[in-house]
Amino acid sequence: MRGDLIIEREMPAVVLDFCAHAAAYDALLADWDTTSVNNSTLIRHPGISFLSYLRESYASLKAEQEQLLSSK
């Protein structure tokens, strides 16, 4: 994770939700042969709220980058 690209002072809940989702999959894949998969095994992807956060924060960072580069 590139924490330096997080705009907010605190880690956004939607990013934490995605990290939990990814970590659950990592654990599942690491023990694929012995793990019984059910609804309690996996943590759901945060969905559109995560994608919206990524789009908005990326656009904000790009705008700031353009502003900084143009002020040189």
N, C-alpha and C. Protein backbone atom coordinates (compact mmCIF):
# COMPACT_ATOMS: atom_id res chain seq x y z
N MET A 1 0.85 -1.18 0.00
CA MET A 1 0.00 0.00 0.00
C MET A 1 0.88 1.23 0.00
N ARG A 2 0.49 2.21 -0.73
CA ARG A 2 1.22 3.48 -0.81
C ARG A 2 0.55 4.50 0.08
N GLY A 3 0.80 4.39 1.39
CA GLY A 3 0.20 5.28 2.36
C GLY A 3 0.52 6.75 2.11
N ASP A 4 1.63 7.01 1.43
CA ASP A 4 1.99 8.40 1.15
C ASP A 4 1.04 9.04 0.14
N LEU A 5 0.21 8.24 -0.52
CA LEU A 5 -0.74 8.77 -1.48
C LEU A 5 -2.13 9.00 -0.87
N ILE A 6 -2.27 8.72 0.41
CA ILE A 6 -3.53 8.98 1.10
C ILE A 6 -3.59 10.47 1.42
N ILE A 7 -4.64 11.13 0.99
CA ILE A 7 -4.78 12.57 1.15
C ILE A 7 -5.16 12.93 2.58
N GLU A 8 -6.05 12.16 3.15
CA GLU A 8 -6.58 12.46 4.48
C GLU A 8 -5.53 12.26 5.57
N ARG A 9 -5.80 12.85 6.73
CA ARG A 9 -4.89 12.68 7.87
C ARG A 9 -4.98 11.26 8.43
N GLU A 10 -6.14 10.67 8.36
CA GLU A 10 -6.38 9.31 8.86
C GLU A 10 -6.71 8.41 7.68
N MET A 11 -6.44 7.13 7.84
CA MET A 11 -6.76 6.17 6.79
C MET A 11 -8.28 6.09 6.62
N PRO A 12 -8.79 6.33 5.41
CA PRO A 12 -10.24 6.27 5.19
C PRO A 12 -10.79 4.86 5.45
N ALA A 13 -11.98 4.79 6.01
CA ALA A 13 -12.60 3.50 6.34
C ALA A 13 -12.72 2.61 5.11
N VAL A 14 -13.02 3.20 3.96
CA VAL A 14 -13.19 2.41 2.75
C VAL A 14 -11.86 1.75 2.33
N VAL A 15 -10.75 2.40 2.59
CA VAL A 15 -9.44 1.82 2.28
C VAL A 15 -9.14 0.68 3.27
N LEU A 16 -9.48 0.89 4.53
CA LEU A 16 -9.30 -0.19 5.51
C LEU A 16 -10.16 -1.40 5.16
N ASP A 17 -11.38 -1.14 4.68
CA ASP A 17 -12.25 -2.24 4.26
C ASP A 17 -11.64 -3.01 3.11
N PHE A 18 -11.06 -2.29 2.15
CA PHE A 18 -10.41 -2.97 1.02
C PHE A 18 -9.20 -3.78 1.49
N CYS A 19 -8.40 -3.22 2.40
CA CYS A 19 -7.23 -3.93 2.91
C CYS A 19 -7.64 -5.22 3.63
N ALA A 20 -8.73 -5.16 4.40
CA ALA A 20 -9.23 -6.36 5.07
C ALA A 20 -9.68 -7.39 4.05
N HIS A 21 -10.34 -6.95 3.00
CA HIS A 21 -10.78 -7.83 1.92
C HIS A 21 -9.57 -8.52 1.27
N ALA A 22 -8.55 -7.74 0.93
CA ALA A 22 -7.36 -8.28 0.28
C ALA A 22 -6.61 -9.24 1.20
N ALA A 23 -6.51 -8.90 2.48
CA ALA A 23 -5.82 -9.77 3.43
C ALA A 23 -6.54 -11.10 3.61
N ALA A 24 -7.87 -11.07 3.60
CA ALA A 24 -8.65 -12.31 3.70
C ALA A 24 -8.37 -13.21 2.50
N TYR A 25 -8.30 -12.62 1.31
CA TYR A 25 -7.97 -13.41 0.13
C TYR A 25 -6.55 -13.95 0.18
N ASP A 26 -5.61 -13.14 0.65
CA ASP A 26 -4.23 -13.62 0.78
C ASP A 26 -4.16 -14.84 1.69
N ALA A 27 -4.85 -14.76 2.83
CA ALA A 27 -4.85 -15.88 3.76
C ALA A 27 -5.52 -17.11 3.15
N LEU A 28 -6.61 -16.88 2.44
CA LEU A 28 -7.31 -17.98 1.79
C LEU A 28 -6.43 -18.65 0.74
N LEU A 29 -5.78 -17.87 -0.08
CA LEU A 29 -4.93 -18.42 -1.13
C LEU A 29 -3.71 -19.14 -0.57
N ALA A 30 -3.19 -18.65 0.54
CA ALA A 30 -2.01 -19.27 1.15
C ALA A 30 -2.33 -20.67 1.68
N ASP A 31 -3.58 -20.90 2.06
CA ASP A 31 -3.96 -22.17 2.64
C ASP A 31 -5.12 -22.81 1.86
N TRP A 32 -5.09 -22.62 0.55
CA TRP A 32 -6.18 -23.02 -0.33
C TRP A 32 -6.60 -24.49 -0.16
N ASP A 33 -5.65 -25.40 -0.04
CA ASP A 33 -5.96 -26.83 0.00
C ASP A 33 -6.66 -27.27 1.29
N THR A 34 -6.47 -26.54 2.37
CA THR A 34 -7.04 -26.99 3.65
C THR A 34 -8.15 -26.09 4.18
N THR A 35 -8.41 -24.97 3.50
CA THR A 35 -9.42 -24.04 3.99
C THR A 35 -10.78 -24.35 3.38
N SER A 36 -11.78 -24.39 4.22
CA SER A 36 -13.14 -24.56 3.76
C SER A 36 -13.74 -23.17 3.59
N VAL A 37 -14.09 -22.83 2.36
CA VAL A 37 -14.58 -21.49 2.05
C VAL A 37 -16.08 -21.42 2.31
N ASN A 38 -16.48 -20.42 3.08
CA ASN A 38 -17.89 -20.13 3.28
C ASN A 38 -18.05 -18.62 3.43
N ASN A 39 -19.26 -18.17 3.65
CA ASN A 39 -19.50 -16.72 3.72
C ASN A 39 -18.73 -16.04 4.84
N SER A 40 -18.43 -16.76 5.92
CA SER A 40 -17.70 -16.12 7.02
C SER A 40 -16.20 -16.08 6.77
N THR A 41 -15.71 -16.81 5.77
CA THR A 41 -14.29 -16.84 5.46
C THR A 41 -13.84 -15.54 4.79
N LEU A 42 -14.69 -15.01 3.94
CA LEU A 42 -14.31 -13.87 3.11
C LEU A 42 -14.88 -12.56 3.65
N ILE A 43 -14.14 -11.50 3.42
CA ILE A 43 -14.60 -10.15 3.75
C ILE A 43 -14.95 -9.50 2.42
N ARG A 44 -16.15 -9.00 2.33
CA ARG A 44 -16.64 -8.46 1.05
C ARG A 44 -15.83 -7.25 0.60
N HIS A 45 -15.69 -7.13 -0.70
CA HIS A 45 -15.07 -5.96 -1.32
C HIS A 45 -15.98 -4.77 -1.05
N PRO A 46 -15.40 -3.59 -0.73
CA PRO A 46 -16.24 -2.43 -0.43
C PRO A 46 -17.03 -1.91 -1.63
N GLY A 47 -16.75 -2.40 -2.81
CA GLY A 47 -17.57 -2.07 -3.97
C GLY A 47 -17.35 -0.67 -4.52
N ILE A 48 -18.46 -0.10 -4.99
CA ILE A 48 -18.40 1.18 -5.70
C ILE A 48 -17.86 2.31 -4.83
N SER A 49 -18.05 2.23 -3.52
CA SER A 49 -17.53 3.30 -2.65
C SER A 49 -16.01 3.34 -2.71
N PHE A 50 -15.36 2.19 -2.82
CA PHE A 50 -13.91 2.14 -2.94
C PHE A 50 -13.46 2.69 -4.29
N LEU A 51 -14.15 2.28 -5.34
CA LEU A 51 -13.79 2.77 -6.68
C LEU A 51 -14.00 4.28 -6.79
N SER A 52 -15.08 4.78 -6.20
CA SER A 52 -15.32 6.23 -6.21
C SER A 52 -14.23 6.97 -5.45
N TYR A 53 -13.84 6.43 -4.29
CA TYR A 53 -12.77 7.04 -3.51
C TYR A 53 -11.48 7.11 -4.34
N LEU A 54 -11.14 6.01 -5.01
CA LEU A 54 -9.92 5.98 -5.82
C LEU A 54 -9.96 7.01 -6.92
N ARG A 55 -11.08 7.09 -7.63
CA ARG A 55 -11.19 8.05 -8.74
C ARG A 55 -11.06 9.49 -8.23
N GLU A 56 -11.77 9.80 -7.15
CA GLU A 56 -11.77 11.17 -6.63
C GLU A 56 -10.41 11.56 -6.06
N SER A 57 -9.79 10.67 -5.32
CA SER A 57 -8.50 11.03 -4.72
C SER A 57 -7.40 11.09 -5.79
N TYR A 58 -7.48 10.23 -6.80
CA TYR A 58 -6.50 10.28 -7.89
C TYR A 58 -6.63 11.61 -8.64
N ALA A 59 -7.86 12.00 -8.94
CA ALA A 59 -8.08 13.27 -9.65
C ALA A 59 -7.55 14.44 -8.83
N SER A 60 -7.77 14.39 -7.54
CA SER A 60 -7.30 15.46 -6.66
C SER A 60 -5.77 15.52 -6.63
N LEU A 61 -5.14 14.37 -6.53
CA LEU A 61 -3.67 14.34 -6.52
C LEU A 61 -3.09 14.80 -7.85
N LYS A 62 -3.72 14.41 -8.96
CA LYS A 62 -3.23 14.84 -10.28
C LYS A 62 -3.37 16.36 -10.43
N ALA A 63 -4.48 16.91 -9.95
CA ALA A 63 -4.67 18.37 -10.03
C ALA A 63 -3.61 19.09 -9.21
N GLU A 64 -3.31 18.57 -8.03
CA GLU A 64 -2.27 19.18 -7.19
C GLU A 64 -0.91 19.07 -7.86
N GLN A 65 -0.64 17.92 -8.46
CA GLN A 65 0.63 17.72 -9.17
C GLN A 65 0.76 18.73 -10.32
N GLU A 66 -0.29 18.88 -11.10
CA GLU A 66 -0.25 19.83 -12.23
C GLU A 66 -0.01 21.26 -11.74
N GLN A 67 -0.65 21.60 -10.63
CA GLN A 67 -0.48 22.94 -10.08
C GLN A 67 0.98 23.15 -9.62
N LEU A 68 1.52 22.15 -8.95
CA LEU A 68 2.91 22.26 -8.49
C LEU A 68 3.89 22.33 -9.64
N LEU A 69 3.66 21.54 -10.67
CA LEU A 69 4.56 21.54 -11.84
C LEU A 69 4.46 22.85 -12.63
N SER A 70 3.28 23.43 -12.67
CA SER A 70 3.11 24.68 -13.45
C SER A 70 3.67 25.89 -12.70
N SER A 71 3.88 25.78 -11.41
CA SER A 71 4.40 26.91 -10.64
C SER A 71 5.92 26.97 -10.62
N LYS A 72 6.56 26.04 -11.30
CA LYS A 72 8.03 26.05 -11.34
C LYS A 72 8.56 27.14 -12.21
